[in-house]
Amino acid sequence: MDKKNKILIVEDEESLAIGIEYNLLEEGFSVSIAKDGKEALEYFQNEPFDLIILDVMLPYYNGFELAEIIRQKDPRVPIIMLTAKSKNEDRIKGLEVGADDYLTKPFHMKELLLRITGMLKRKSWYKAVAEENPILIFGDNEVNFTNLTCKTKRGDYNLTQNEAMVLKYLFDNKGKAVSRKELLENVWQVNPEIETRTVDIFISRLRKYIEPDPSKPIYIKSLRGVGYIVED
């Protein structure tokens, strides 16, 4: 692990922010803390970060607004969103606006560290894989895995790294049924027992980009009770 990976913690609960910071520093990361949305934007605009931990409830700009702003400027940086356990809609909305993953409060610090480590490893792995086969063309779509752009008949889109990884995994396994469990294990590298709605939201986002009619997909098809398939 690169000891110089920089992480931005955006959390207004001081005790939690300090606890996360302490554990990340112990793991050798460089850490900055923003206590509200305005301060987070100042940090983000002035220095690059390798990963952002983003709370939902924040002064000035909430986590959803921040995620959208960050995604417009940088589709690559991994975002972990911290959500309230009782609010399932927060988790869904967070993923829809561009977060890569989420943790519900309260959470175990070890779980957060595992998610962070996994995300940063995937970031490094993805770069190498993207260089091997940088372009995917199908139908009217052209996906560039190096710069995370997707050119379609309706326009051009920027993909997040996780969106690109899901798409690449499905097309690398063309003709094979891919379960949500398999995607969670191989793309997110997390325990597949967590809520599988995460995968469905990412598939929905991809269909909006690449499908002529997202409600009647022809590229990424659903298999009831199984998962998804890209047919030969």
Foldseek 3Di string as FASTA:
>chain_A
DPLAAEEEEAAQPVVVQVVLVVVNVVVRYHYDYHNADVSVVVVVVPDDHQEYEAEQDGPPDGRLRSLLVCCVVDLERAYEYEAAPVDPVVQLSNLLSRHLYYDYPPDDSVVVVVQVVLSSVVSVVQQVVCVVPQWDDDDQWIAGSNQQWIQHPVGIDHHHNLLSVVVVVQVVVAADFDALLNCCCPRSVDHSVPDSVSVVSSLLVVLVRYAPDSVDRDAWDADPPGGTHGYD
